[in-house]
Amino acid sequence: MSPRSPRRVRCATAVPRSLHYGVAVPSYRVTLAVGALAAGTTPDAVLPEAARLVAELTVVEAKDVQLLRGVPCAVIRYDAPSDEIAEAVAEHTVDGLAGVVEVRSAAVTRRDGARWTPVR
């Protein structure tokens, strides 16, 4: 008899990420305009650190680096049950990055259908 490779079994109780809070929640994103780096910080360390800070409080859906009007930005998309909590997640992220990078601005947007609506 030849050994079989283990089969992956999908758990019937698996919950989609959008139902992490028990109900469907909207997606938010925080766009952080990145300025000067702290001494010893490499540019490629900023995005993972920002995502780690968001992940301390909620589920990270995606992370990306964008160049908006010539300014480098770290963009983190995440789940949150309300605008207030989404803003708190963004504030936590900005505060946590204080020793790593200068955050020139932070904008929080909520996914409404096909559009991103500013929260603050």
PDB file of N, CA and C in Angstrom:
ATOM      1  N   MET A   1       0.820  -1.177   0.000  1.00  0.00           N
ATOM      2  CA  MET A   1       0.000   0.000   0.000  1.00  0.00           C
ATOM      3  C   MET A   1       0.871   1.250   0.000  1.00  0.00           C
ATOM      4  N   SER A   2       0.551   2.175  -0.839  1.00  0.00           N
ATOM      5  CA  SER A   2       1.334   3.413  -0.871  1.00  0.00           C
ATOM      6  C   SER A   2       0.751   4.419   0.123  1.00  0.00           C
ATOM      7  N   PRO A   3       1.630   5.190   0.756  1.00  0.00           N
ATOM      8  CA  PRO A   3       1.127   6.172   1.714  1.00  0.00           C
ATOM      9  C   PRO A   3       0.364   7.278   0.990  1.00  0.00           C
ATOM     10  N   ARG A   4      -0.703   7.682   1.603  1.00  0.00           N
ATOM     11  CA  ARG A   4      -1.520   8.753   1.030  1.00  0.00           C
ATOM     12  C   ARG A   4      -1.161  10.080   1.673  1.00  0.00           C
ATOM     13  N   SER A   5      -1.238  11.094   0.874  1.00  0.00           N
ATOM     14  CA  SER A   5      -1.028  12.424   1.455  1.00  0.00           C
ATOM     15  C   SER A   5      -2.305  12.832   2.182  1.00  0.00           C
ATOM     16  N   PRO A   6      -2.152  13.550   3.272  1.00  0.00           N
ATOM     17  CA  PRO A   6      -3.338  13.942   4.027  1.00  0.00           C
ATOM     18  C   PRO A   6      -4.223  14.869   3.197  1.00  0.00           C
ATOM     19  N   ARG A   7      -5.514  14.673   3.336  1.00  0.00           N
ATOM     20  CA  ARG A   7      -6.474  15.517   2.622  1.00  0.00           C
ATOM     21  C   ARG A   7      -6.877  16.678   3.511  1.00  0.00           C
ATOM     22  N   ARG A   8      -7.013  17.803   2.889  1.00  0.00           N
ATOM     23  CA  ARG A   8      -7.500  18.952   3.647  1.00  0.00           C
ATOM     24  C   ARG A   8      -9.008  18.863   3.748  1.00  0.00           C
ATOM     25  N   VAL A   9      -9.494  18.979   4.944  1.00  0.00           N
ATOM     26  CA  VAL A   9     -10.923  18.924   5.176  1.00  0.00           C
ATOM     27  C   VAL A   9     -11.380  20.307   5.587  1.00  0.00           C
ATOM     28  N   ARG A  10     -12.364  20.803   4.903  1.00  0.00           N
ATOM     29  CA  ARG A  10     -12.883  22.127   5.227  1.00  0.00           C
ATOM     30  C   ARG A  10     -13.837  22.006   6.404  1.00  0.00           C
ATOM     31  N   CYS A  11     -13.602  22.815   7.395  1.00  0.00           N
ATOM     32  CA  CYS A  11     -14.426  22.793   8.598  1.00  0.00           C
ATOM     33  C   CYS A  11     -15.790  23.398   8.295  1.00  0.00           C
ATOM     34  N   ALA A  12     -16.841  22.710   8.675  1.00  0.00           N
ATOM     35  CA  ALA A  12     -18.196  23.193   8.425  1.00  0.00           C
ATOM     36  C   ALA A  12     -18.526  24.424   9.250  1.00  0.00           C
ATOM     37  N   THR A  13     -17.760  24.663  10.300  1.00  0.00           N
ATOM     38  CA  THR A  13     -18.055  25.808  11.157  1.00  0.00           C
ATOM     39  C   THR A  13     -17.177  27.013  10.848  1.00  0.00           C
ATOM     40  N   ALA A  14     -16.419  26.951   9.753  1.00  0.00           N
ATOM     41  CA  ALA A  14     -15.558  28.081   9.400  1.00  0.00           C
ATOM     42  C   ALA A  14     -16.409  29.319   9.146  1.00  0.00           C
ATOM     43  N   VAL A  15     -15.949  30.436   9.656  1.00  0.00           N
ATOM     44  CA  VAL A  15     -16.684  31.690   9.533  1.00  0.00           C
ATOM     45  C   VAL A  15     -15.943  32.595   8.567  1.00  0.00           C
ATOM     46  N   PRO A  16     -16.644  33.154   7.580  1.00  0.00           N
ATOM     47  CA  PRO A  16     -15.978  34.096   6.682  1.00  0.00           C
ATOM     48  C   PRO A  16     -15.386  35.258   7.456  1.00  0.00           C
ATOM     49  N   ARG A  17     -14.284  35.815   6.922  1.00  0.00           N
ATOM     50  CA  ARG A  17     -13.632  36.929   7.614  1.00  0.00           C
ATOM     51  C   ARG A  17     -14.588  38.084   7.870  1.00  0.00           C
ATOM     52  N   SER A  18     -15.515  38.335   6.947  1.00  0.00           N
ATOM     53  CA  SER A  18     -16.420  39.462   7.125  1.00  0.00           C
ATOM     54  C   SER A  18     -17.368  39.255   8.295  1.00  0.00           C
ATOM     55  N   LEU A  19     -17.452  38.039   8.816  1.00  0.00           N
ATOM     56  CA  LEU A  19     -18.329  37.759   9.950  1.00  0.00           C
ATOM     57  C   LEU A  19     -17.538  37.568  11.236  1.00  0.00           C
ATOM     58  N   HIS A  20     -16.311  38.056  11.277  1.00  0.00           N
ATOM     59  CA  HIS A  20     -15.438  37.923  12.445  1.00  0.00           C
ATOM     60  C   HIS A  20     -16.107  38.443  13.713  1.00  0.00           C
ATOM     61  N   TYR A  21     -16.920  39.476  13.589  1.00  0.00           N
ATOM     62  CA  TYR A  21     -17.571  40.080  14.747  1.00  0.00           C
ATOM     63  C   TYR A  21     -18.945  39.474  15.030  1.00  0.00           C
ATOM     64  N   GLY A  22     -19.361  38.478  14.279  1.00  0.00           N
ATOM     65  CA  GLY A  22     -20.661  37.859  14.493  1.00  0.00           C
ATOM     66  C   GLY A  22     -21.721  38.401  13.548  1.00  0.00           C
ATOM     67  N   VAL A  23     -21.459  39.524  12.933  1.00  0.00           N
ATOM     68  CA  VAL A  23     -22.344  40.118  11.927  1.00  0.00           C
ATOM     69  C   VAL A  23     -21.459  40.642  10.800  1.00  0.00           C
ATOM     70  N   ALA A  24     -22.072  40.876   9.655  1.00  0.00           N
ATOM     71  CA  ALA A  24     -21.301  41.444   8.547  1.00  0.00           C
ATOM     72  C   ALA A  24     -20.849  42.848   8.931  1.00  0.00           C
ATOM     73  N   VAL A  25     -19.591  43.146   8.722  1.00  0.00           N
ATOM     74  CA  VAL A  25     -19.042  44.461   9.067  1.00  0.00           C
ATOM     75  C   VAL A  25     -18.405  45.071   7.826  1.00  0.00           C
ATOM     76  N   PRO A  26     -18.400  46.394   7.758  1.00  0.00           N
ATOM     77  CA  PRO A  26     -17.794  47.035   6.590  1.00  0.00           C
ATOM     78  C   PRO A  26     -16.273  46.982   6.622  1.00  0.00           C
ATOM     79  N   SER A  27     -15.707  47.181   5.457  1.00  0.00           N
ATOM     80  CA  SER A  27     -14.255  47.306   5.340  1.00  0.00           C
ATOM     81  C   SER A  27     -13.880  48.772   5.469  1.00  0.00           C
ATOM     82  N   TYR A  28     -12.768  49.001   6.105  1.00  0.00           N
ATOM     83  CA  TYR A  28     -12.209  50.342   6.236  1.00  0.00           C
ATOM     84  C   TYR A  28     -10.779  50.283   5.745  1.00  0.00           C
ATOM     85  N   ARG A  29     -10.236  51.450   5.441  1.00  0.00           N
ATOM     86  CA  ARG A  29      -8.812  51.511   5.166  1.00  0.00           C
ATOM     87  C   ARG A  29      -8.264  52.800   5.750  1.00  0.00           C
ATOM     88  N   VAL A  30      -7.056  52.714   6.225  1.00  0.00           N
ATOM     89  CA  VAL A  30      -6.342  53.894   6.694  1.00  0.00           C
ATOM     90  C   VAL A  30      -5.199  54.114   5.714  1.00  0.00           C
ATOM     91  N   THR A  31      -5.127  55.343   5.217  1.00  0.00           N
ATOM     92  CA  THR A  31      -4.070  55.732   4.295  1.00  0.00           C
ATOM     93  C   THR A  31      -3.124  56.652   5.045  1.00  0.00           C
ATOM     94  N   LEU A  32      -1.903  56.203   5.236  1.00  0.00           N
ATOM     95  CA  LEU A  32      -0.907  56.925   6.025  1.00  0.00           C
ATOM     96  C   LEU A  32       0.137  57.539   5.098  1.00  0.00           C
ATOM     97  N   ALA A  33       0.180  58.871   5.059  1.00  0.00           N
ATOM     98  CA  ALA A  33       1.212  59.557   4.278  1.00  0.00           C
ATOM     99  C   ALA A  33       2.511  59.486   5.066  1.00  0.00           C
ATOM    100  N   VAL A  34       3.510  58.864   4.479  1.00  0.00           N
ATOM    101  CA  VAL A  34       4.766  58.582   5.165  1.00  0.00           C
ATOM    102  C   VAL A  34       5.773  59.702   4.914  1.00  0.00           C
ATOM    103  N   GLY A  35       6.378  60.178   6.007  1.00  0.00           N
ATOM    104  CA  GLY A  35       7.416  61.199   5.917  1.00  0.00           C
ATOM    105  C   GLY A  35       8.776  60.613   6.232  1.00  0.00           C
ATOM    106  N   ALA A  36       9.522  61.320   7.049  1.00  0.00           N
ATOM    107  CA  ALA A  36      10.889  60.911   7.393  1.00  0.00           C
ATOM    108  C   ALA A  36      10.891  59.630   8.227  1.00  0.00           C
ATOM    109  N   LEU A  37      11.851  58.778   7.952  1.00  0.00           N
ATOM    110  CA  LEU A  37      12.026  57.537   8.711  1.00  0.00           C
ATOM    111  C   LEU A  37      12.908  57.797   9.918  1.00  0.00           C
ATOM    112  N   ALA A  38      12.645  57.080  11.001  1.00  0.00           N
ATOM    113  CA  ALA A  38      13.507  57.163  12.182  1.00  0.00           C
ATOM    114  C   ALA A  38      14.853  56.530  11.847  1.00  0.00           C
ATOM    115  N   ALA A  39      15.871  56.940  12.578  1.00  0.00           N
ATOM    116  CA  ALA A  39      17.215  56.391  12.361  1.00  0.00           C
ATOM    117  C   ALA A  39      17.176  54.871  12.500  1.00  0.00           C
ATOM    118  N   GLY A  40      17.772  54.193  11.540  1.00  0.00           N
ATOM    119  CA  GLY A  40      17.829  52.736  11.584  1.00  0.00           C
ATOM    120  C   GLY A  40      16.615  52.043  10.990  1.00  0.00           C
ATOM    121  N   THR A  41      15.607  52.790  10.561  1.00  0.00           N
ATOM    122  CA  THR A  41      14.408  52.199   9.968  1.00  0.00           C
ATOM    123  C   THR A  41      14.566  52.144   8.453  1.00  0.00           C
ATOM    124  N   THR A  42      14.306  50.988   7.882  1.00  0.00           N
ATOM    125  CA  THR A  42      14.360  50.854   6.430  1.00  0.00           C
ATOM    126  C   THR A  42      12.965  51.090   5.851  1.00  0.00           C
ATOM    127  N   PRO A  43      12.872  51.595   4.633  1.00  0.00           N
ATOM    128  CA  PRO A  43      11.559  51.863   4.038  1.00  0.00           C
ATOM    129  C   PRO A  43      10.656  50.634   3.976  1.00  0.00           C
ATOM    130  N   ASP A  44      11.237  49.463   3.731  1.00  0.00           N
ATOM    131  CA  ASP A  44      10.414  48.260   3.617  1.00  0.00           C
ATOM    132  C   ASP A  44       9.914  47.735   4.958  1.00  0.00           C
ATOM    133  N   ALA A  45      10.284  48.367   6.057  1.00  0.00           N
ATOM    134  CA  ALA A  45       9.812  47.950   7.382  1.00  0.00           C
ATOM    135  C   ALA A  45       8.526  48.661   7.792  1.00  0.00           C
ATOM    136  N   VAL A  46       8.170  49.736   7.098  1.00  0.00           N
ATOM    137  CA  VAL A  46       7.026  50.562   7.512  1.00  0.00           C
ATOM    138  C   VAL A  46       5.696  49.836   7.314  1.00  0.00           C
ATOM    139  N   LEU A  47       5.452  49.284   6.128  1.00  0.00           N
ATOM    140  CA  LEU A  47       4.178  48.628   5.844  1.00  0.00           C
ATOM    141  C   LEU A  47       3.916  47.432   6.763  1.00  0.00           C
ATOM    142  N   PRO A  48       4.865  46.514   6.949  1.00  0.00           N
ATOM    143  CA  PRO A  48       4.603  45.401   7.870  1.00  0.00           C
ATOM    144  C   PRO A  48       4.326  45.862   9.304  1.00  0.00           C
ATOM    145  N   GLU A  49       5.012  46.909   9.739  1.00  0.00           N
ATOM    146  CA  GLU A  49       4.784  47.415  11.097  1.00  0.00           C
ATOM    147  C   GLU A  49       3.397  48.026  11.215  1.00  0.00           C
ATOM    148  N   ALA A  50       2.970  48.778  10.211  1.00  0.00           N
ATOM    149  CA  ALA A  50       1.623  49.360  10.228  1.00  0.00           C
ATOM    150  C   ALA A  50       0.566  48.255  10.239  1.00  0.00           C
ATOM    151  N   ALA A  51       0.749  47.231   9.422  1.00  0.00           N
ATOM    152  CA  ALA A  51      -0.200  46.114   9.385  1.00  0.00           C
ATOM    153  C   ALA A  51      -0.219  45.364  10.714  1.00  0.00           C
ATOM    154  N   ARG A  52       0.935  45.205  11.334  1.00  0.00           N
ATOM    155  CA  ARG A  52       1.002  44.527  12.635  1.00  0.00           C
ATOM    156  C   ARG A  52       0.215  45.307  13.684  1.00  0.00           C
ATOM    157  N   LEU A  53       0.338  46.620  13.667  1.00  0.00           N
ATOM    158  CA  LEU A  53      -0.382  47.450  14.636  1.00  0.00           C
ATOM    159  C   LEU A  53      -1.891  47.355  14.431  1.00  0.00           C
ATOM    160  N   VAL A  54      -2.342  47.360  13.184  1.00  0.00           N
ATOM    161  CA  VAL A  54      -3.771  47.190  12.908  1.00  0.00           C
ATOM    162  C   VAL A  54      -4.223  45.812  13.375  1.00  0.00           C
ATOM    163  N   ALA A  55      -3.419  44.788  13.105  1.00  0.00           N
ATOM    164  CA  ALA A  55      -3.773  43.410  13.465  1.00  0.00           C
ATOM    165  C   ALA A  55      -3.857  43.194  14.971  1.00  0.00           C
ATOM    166  N   GLU A  56      -3.266  44.084  15.764  1.00  0.00           N
ATOM    167  CA  GLU A  56      -3.415  43.976  17.217  1.00  0.00           C
ATOM    168  C   GLU A  56      -4.861  44.192  17.640  1.00  0.00           C
ATOM    169  N   LEU A  57      -5.645  44.890  16.810  1.00  0.00           N
ATOM    170  CA  LEU A  57      -7.009  45.248  17.190  1.00  0.00           C
ATOM    171  C   LEU A  57      -8.092  44.622  16.322  1.00  0.00           C
ATOM    172  N   THR A  58      -7.771  44.243  15.099  1.00  0.00           N
ATOM    173  CA  THR A  58      -8.802  43.728  14.203  1.00  0.00           C
ATOM    174  C   THR A  58      -8.173  42.887  13.097  1.00  0.00           C
ATOM    175  N   VAL A  59      -9.002  42.435  12.177  1.00  0.00           N
ATOM    176  CA  VAL A  59      -8.556  41.598  11.066  1.00  0.00           C
ATOM    177  C   VAL A  59      -8.043  42.485   9.930  1.00  0.00           C
ATOM    178  N   VAL A  60      -6.826  42.231   9.490  1.00  0.00           N
ATOM    179  CA  VAL A  60      -6.251  42.946   8.347  1.00  0.00           C
ATOM    180  C   VAL A  60      -6.678  42.213   7.079  1.00  0.00           C
ATOM    181  N   GLU A  61      -7.308  42.941   6.166  1.00  0.00           N
ATOM    182  CA  GLU A  61      -7.745  42.346   4.900  1.00  0.00           C
ATOM    183  C   GLU A  61      -6.681  42.460   3.817  1.00  0.00           C
ATOM    184  N   ALA A  62      -5.980  43.591   3.795  1.00  0.00           N
ATOM    185  CA  ALA A  62      -4.962  43.817   2.758  1.00  0.00           C
ATOM    186  C   ALA A  62      -4.038  44.940   3.188  1.00  0.00           C
ATOM    187  N   LYS A  63      -2.878  44.995   2.555  1.00  0.00           N
ATOM    188  CA  LYS A  63      -1.926  46.077   2.807  1.00  0.00           C
ATOM    189  C   LYS A  63      -1.220  46.384   1.500  1.00  0.00           C
ATOM    190  N   ASP A  64      -0.897  47.665   1.308  1.00  0.00           N
ATOM    191  CA  ASP A  64      -0.303  48.074   0.046  1.00  0.00           C
ATOM    192  C   ASP A  64       0.461  49.372   0.243  1.00  0.00           C
ATOM    193  N   VAL A  65       1.367  49.640  -0.670  1.00  0.00           N
ATOM    194  CA  VAL A  65       2.066  50.921  -0.721  1.00  0.00           C
ATOM    195  C   VAL A  65       1.610  51.619  -1.988  1.00  0.00           C
ATOM    196  N   GLN A  66       1.234  52.896  -1.866  1.00  0.00           N
ATOM    197  CA  GLN A  66       0.807  53.676  -3.019  1.00  0.00           C
ATOM    198  C   GLN A  66       1.549  54.998  -3.042  1.00  0.00           C
ATOM    199  N   LEU A  67       1.655  55.563  -4.213  1.00  0.00           N
ATOM    200  CA  LEU A  67       2.229  56.886  -4.378  1.00  0.00           C
ATOM    201  C   LEU A  67       1.076  57.805  -4.752  1.00  0.00           C
ATOM    202  N   LEU A  68       0.648  58.662  -3.822  1.00  0.00           N
ATOM    203  CA  LEU A  68      -0.478  59.563  -4.042  1.00  0.00           C
ATOM    204  C   LEU A  68       0.026  60.998  -4.113  1.00  0.00           C
ATOM    205  N   ARG A  69      -0.126  61.602  -5.287  1.00  0.00           N
ATOM    206  CA  ARG A  69       0.356  62.972  -5.517  1.00  0.00           C
ATOM    207  C   ARG A  69       1.828  63.121  -5.146  1.00  0.00           C
ATOM    208  N   GLY A  70       2.607  62.113  -5.452  1.00  0.00           N
ATOM    209  CA  GLY A  70       4.037  62.152  -5.187  1.00  0.00           C
ATOM    210  C   GLY A  70       4.444  61.825  -3.763  1.00  0.00           C
ATOM    211  N   VAL A  71       3.477  61.473  -2.912  1.00  0.00           N
ATOM    212  CA  VAL A  71       3.757  61.165  -1.506  1.00  0.00           C
ATOM    213  C   VAL A  71       3.601  59.662  -1.282  1.00  0.00           C
ATOM    214  N   PRO A  72       4.618  59.002  -0.723  1.00  0.00           N
ATOM    215  CA  PRO A  72       4.477  57.573  -0.428  1.00  0.00           C
ATOM    216  C   PRO A  72       3.472  57.359   0.703  1.00  0.00           C
ATOM    217  N   CYS A  73       2.580  56.382   0.502  1.00  0.00           N
ATOM    218  CA  CYS A  73       1.541  56.095   1.496  1.00  0.00           C
ATOM    219  C   CYS A  73       1.466  54.598   1.774  1.00  0.00           C
ATOM    220  N   ALA A  74       1.288  54.268   3.042  1.00  0.00           N
ATOM    221  CA  ALA A  74       0.996  52.895   3.447  1.00  0.00           C
ATOM    222  C   ALA A  74      -0.517  52.804   3.595  1.00  0.00           C
ATOM    223  N   VAL A  75      -1.131  51.834   2.935  1.00  0.00           N
ATOM    224  CA  VAL A  75      -2.581  51.675   2.966  1.00  0.00           C
ATOM    225  C   VAL A  75      -2.891  50.308   3.564  1.00  0.00           C
ATOM    226  N   ILE A  76      -3.655  50.311   4.661  1.00  0.00           N
ATOM    227  CA  ILE A  76      -4.037  49.071   5.341  1.00  0.00           C
ATOM    228  C   ILE A  76      -5.559  48.978   5.321  1.00  0.00           C
ATOM    229  N   ARG A  77      -6.095  47.870   4.803  1.00  0.00           N
ATOM    230  CA  ARG A  77      -7.546  47.642   4.801  1.00  0.00           C
ATOM    231  C   ARG A  77      -7.884  46.645   5.901  1.00  0.00           C
ATOM    232  N   TYR A  78      -8.977  46.917   6.620  1.00  0.00           N
ATOM    233  CA  TYR A  78      -9.322  46.096   7.781  1.00  0.00           C
ATOM    234  C   TYR A  78     -10.822  46.113   8.043  1.00  0.00           C
ATOM    235  N   ASP A  79     -11.284  45.185   8.881  1.00  0.00           N
ATOM    236  CA  ASP A  79     -12.681  45.107   9.318  1.00  0.00           C
ATOM    237  C   ASP A  79     -12.859  45.918  10.585  1.00  0.00           C
ATOM    238  N   ALA A  80     -14.024  46.551  10.727  1.00  0.00           N
ATOM    239  CA  ALA A  80     -14.392  47.215  11.982  1.00  0.00           C
ATOM    240  C   ALA A  80     -15.913  47.313  12.025  1.00  0.00           C
ATOM    241  N   PRO A  81     -16.504  47.167  13.212  1.00  0.00           N
ATOM    242  CA  PRO A  81     -17.959  47.199  13.320  1.00  0.00           C
ATOM    243  C   PRO A  81     -18.565  48.601  13.249  1.00  0.00           C
ATOM    244  N   SER A  82     -17.757  49.661  13.407  1.00  0.00           N
ATOM    245  CA  SER A  82     -18.302  51.026  13.372  1.00  0.00           C
ATOM    246  C   SER A  82     -17.219  52.017  12.968  1.00  0.00           C
ATOM    247  N   ASP A  83     -17.667  53.213  12.578  1.00  0.00           N
ATOM    248  CA  ASP A  83     -16.724  54.278  12.225  1.00  0.00           C
ATOM    249  C   ASP A  83     -15.833  54.636  13.404  1.00  0.00           C
ATOM    250  N   GLU A  84     -16.406  54.663  14.600  1.00  0.00           N
ATOM    251  CA  GLU A  84     -15.640  55.035  15.792  1.00  0.00           C
ATOM    252  C   GLU A  84     -14.501  54.050  16.050  1.00  0.00           C
ATOM    253  N   ILE A  85     -14.788  52.779  15.919  1.00  0.00           N
ATOM    254  CA  ILE A  85     -13.747  51.772  16.138  1.00  0.00           C
ATOM    255  C   ILE A  85     -12.718  51.830  15.014  1.00  0.00           C
ATOM    256  N   ALA A  86     -13.163  52.064  13.792  1.00  0.00           N
ATOM    257  CA  ALA A  86     -12.224  52.200  12.672  1.00  0.00           C
ATOM    258  C   ALA A  86     -11.266  53.363  12.913  1.00  0.00           C
ATOM    259  N   GLU A  87     -11.782  54.473  13.434  1.00  0.00           N
ATOM    260  CA  GLU A  87     -10.926  55.618  13.745  1.00  0.00           C
ATOM    261  C   GLU A  87      -9.959  55.291  14.882  1.00  0.00           C
ATOM    262  N   ALA A  88     -10.441  54.545  15.878  1.00  0.00           N
ATOM    263  CA  ALA A  88      -9.569  54.156  16.996  1.00  0.00           C
ATOM    264  C   ALA A  88      -8.432  53.254  16.503  1.00  0.00           C
ATOM    265  N   VAL A  89      -8.729  52.365  15.567  1.00  0.00           N
ATOM    266  CA  VAL A  89      -7.691  51.501  14.992  1.00  0.00           C
ATOM    267  C   VAL A  89      -6.648  52.359  14.273  1.00  0.00           C
ATOM    268  N   ALA A  90      -7.107  53.339  13.520  1.00  0.00           N
ATOM    269  CA  ALA A  90      -6.181  54.229  12.804  1.00  0.00           C
ATOM    270  C   ALA A  90      -5.317  55.024  13.780  1.00  0.00           C
ATOM    271  N   GLU A  91      -5.922  55.553  14.834  1.00  0.00           N
ATOM    272  CA  GLU A  91      -5.162  56.313  15.835  1.00  0.00           C
ATOM    273  C   GLU A  91      -4.120  55.434  16.521  1.00  0.00           C
ATOM    274  N   HIS A  92      -4.502  54.197  16.836  1.00  0.00           N
ATOM    275  CA  HIS A  92      -3.567  53.243  17.443  1.00  0.00           C
ATOM    276  C   HIS A  92      -2.373  53.008  16.515  1.00  0.00           C
ATOM    277  N   THR A  93      -2.654  52.897  15.232  1.00  0.00           N
ATOM    278  CA  THR A  93      -1.597  52.657  14.250  1.00  0.00           C
ATOM    279  C   THR A  93      -0.657  53.851  14.148  1.00  0.00           C
ATOM    280  N   VAL A  94      -1.221  55.053  14.066  1.00  0.00           N
ATOM    281  CA  VAL A  94      -0.396  56.268  13.981  1.00  0.00           C
ATOM    282  C   VAL A  94       0.462  56.413  15.233  1.00  0.00           C
ATOM    283  N   ASP A  95      -0.138  56.200  16.398  1.00  0.00           N
ATOM    284  CA  ASP A  95       0.618  56.299  17.656  1.00  0.00           C
ATOM    285  C   ASP A  95       1.748  55.272  17.707  1.00  0.00           C
ATOM    286  N   GLY A  96       1.469  54.055  17.253  1.00  0.00           N
ATOM    287  CA  GLY A  96       2.473  52.996  17.277  1.00  0.00           C
ATOM    288  C   GLY A  96       3.618  53.223  16.309  1.00  0.00           C
ATOM    289  N   LEU A  97       3.358  53.966  15.249  1.00  0.00           N
ATOM    290  CA  LEU A  97       4.398  54.239  14.256  1.00  0.00           C
ATOM    291  C   LEU A  97       5.269  55.437  14.619  1.00  0.00           C
ATOM    292  N   ALA A  98       4.943  56.128  15.695  1.00  0.00           N
ATOM    293  CA  ALA A  98       5.649  57.364  16.062  1.00  0.00           C
ATOM    294  C   ALA A  98       7.157  57.181  16.166  1.00  0.00           C
ATOM    295  N   GLY A  99       7.622  56.050  16.652  1.00  0.00           N
ATOM    296  CA  GLY A  99       9.054  55.826  16.788  1.00  0.00           C
ATOM    297  C   GLY A  99       9.708  55.249  15.547  1.00  0.00           C
ATOM    298  N   VAL A 100       8.905  54.966  14.521  1.00  0.00           N
ATOM    299  CA  VAL A 100       9.404  54.320  13.315  1.00  0.00           C
ATOM    300  C   VAL A 100       9.468  55.293  12.136  1.00  0.00           C
ATOM    301  N   VAL A 101       8.415  56.090  12.002  1.00  0.00           N
ATOM    302  CA  VAL A 101       8.288  56.957  10.831  1.00  0.00           C
ATOM    303  C   VAL A 101       7.424  58.167  11.177  1.00  0.00           C
ATOM    304  N   GLU A 102       7.668  59.266  10.492  1.00  0.00           N
ATOM    305  CA  GLU A 102       6.800  60.438  10.621  1.00  0.00           C
ATOM    306  C   GLU A 102       5.560  60.185   9.768  1.00  0.00           C
ATOM    307  N   VAL A 103       4.383  60.219  10.399  1.00  0.00           N
ATOM    308  CA  VAL A 103       3.133  60.082   9.656  1.00  0.00           C
ATOM    309  C   VAL A 103       2.609  61.495   9.431  1.00  0.00           C
ATOM    310  N   ARG A 104       2.659  61.941   8.185  1.00  0.00           N
ATOM    311  CA  ARG A 104       2.252  63.315   7.860  1.00  0.00           C
ATOM    312  C   ARG A 104       0.749  63.509   7.934  1.00  0.00           C
ATOM    313  N   SER A 105       0.008  62.480   7.550  1.00  0.00           N
ATOM    314  CA  SER A 105      -1.450  62.530   7.637  1.00  0.00           C
ATOM    315  C   SER A 105      -1.989  61.107   7.637  1.00  0.00           C
ATOM    316  N   ALA A 106      -3.198  60.975   8.158  1.00  0.00           N
ATOM    317  CA  ALA A 106      -3.882  59.681   8.167  1.00  0.00           C
ATOM    318  C   ALA A 106      -5.335  59.919   7.784  1.00  0.00           C
ATOM    319  N   ALA A 107      -5.810  59.196   6.785  1.00  0.00           N
ATOM    320  CA  ALA A 107      -7.194  59.318   6.341  1.00  0.00           C
ATOM    321  C   ALA A 107      -7.868  57.957   6.459  1.00  0.00           C
ATOM    322  N   VAL A 108      -9.054  57.942   7.074  1.00  0.00           N
ATOM    323  CA  VAL A 108      -9.824  56.706   7.222  1.00  0.00           C
ATOM    324  C   VAL A 108     -11.000  56.766   6.251  1.00  0.00           C
ATOM    325  N   THR A 109     -11.168  55.705   5.468  1.00  0.00           N
ATOM    326  CA  THR A 109     -12.296  55.615   4.544  1.00  0.00           C
ATOM    327  C   THR A 109     -13.027  54.296   4.758  1.00  0.00           C
ATOM    328  N   ARG A 110     -14.340  54.304   4.453  1.00  0.00           N
ATOM    329  CA  ARG A 110     -15.200  53.122   4.610  1.00  0.00           C
ATOM    330  C   ARG A 110     -15.663  52.678   3.225  1.00  0.00           C
ATOM    331  N   ARG A 111     -15.715  51.387   3.020  1.00  0.00           N
ATOM    332  CA  ARG A 111     -16.178  50.842   1.742  1.00  0.00           C
ATOM    333  C   ARG A 111     -17.699  50.883   1.716  1.00  0.00           C
ATOM    334  N   ASP A 112     -18.259  51.638   0.773  1.00  0.00           N
ATOM    335  CA  ASP A 112     -19.705  51.716   0.556  1.00  0.00           C
ATOM    336  C   ASP A 112     -19.976  51.290  -0.879  1.00  0.00           C
ATOM    337  N   GLY A 113     -20.290  50.023  -1.068  1.00  0.00           N
ATOM    338  CA  GLY A 113     -20.473  49.504  -2.418  1.00  0.00           C
ATOM    339  C   GLY A 113     -19.151  49.517  -3.153  1.00  0.00           C
ATOM    340  N   ALA A 114     -19.108  50.235  -4.267  1.00  0.00           N
ATOM    341  CA  ALA A 114     -17.883  50.313  -5.060  1.00  0.00           C
ATOM    342  C   ALA A 114     -17.042  51.541  -4.714  1.00  0.00           C
ATOM    343  N   ARG A 115     -17.467  52.324  -3.727  1.00  0.00           N
ATOM    344  CA  ARG A 115     -16.773  53.569  -3.391  1.00  0.00           C
ATOM    345  C   ARG A 115     -16.154  53.510  -2.004  1.00  0.00           C
ATOM    346  N   TRP A 116     -15.131  54.330  -1.811  1.00  0.00           N
ATOM    347  CA  TRP A 116     -14.518  54.534  -0.502  1.00  0.00           C
ATOM    348  C   TRP A 116     -14.952  55.912  -0.021  1.00  0.00           C
ATOM    349  N   THR A 117     -15.711  55.951   1.084  1.00  0.00           N
ATOM    350  CA  THR A 117     -16.250  57.192   1.630  1.00  0.00           C
ATOM    351  C   THR A 117     -15.394  57.651   2.801  1.00  0.00           C
ATOM    352  N   PRO A 118     -14.967  58.925   2.812  1.00  0.00           N
ATOM    353  CA  PRO A 118     -14.175  59.416   3.950  1.00  0.00           C
ATOM    354  C   PRO A 118     -14.954  59.331   5.263  1.00  0.00           C
ATOM    355  N   VAL A 119     -14.274  58.873   6.301  1.00  0.00           N
ATOM    356  CA  VAL A 119     -14.867  58.812   7.639  1.00  0.00           C
ATOM    357  C   VAL A 119     -14.473  60.054   8.414  1.00  0.00           C
ATOM    358  N   ARG A 120     -13.212  60.465   8.251  1.00  0.00           N
ATOM    359  CA  ARG A 120     -12.755  61.696   8.903  1.00  0.00           C
ATOM    360  C   ARG A 120     -11.883  62.482   7.979  1.00  0.00           C
TER     361      ARG A 120
END
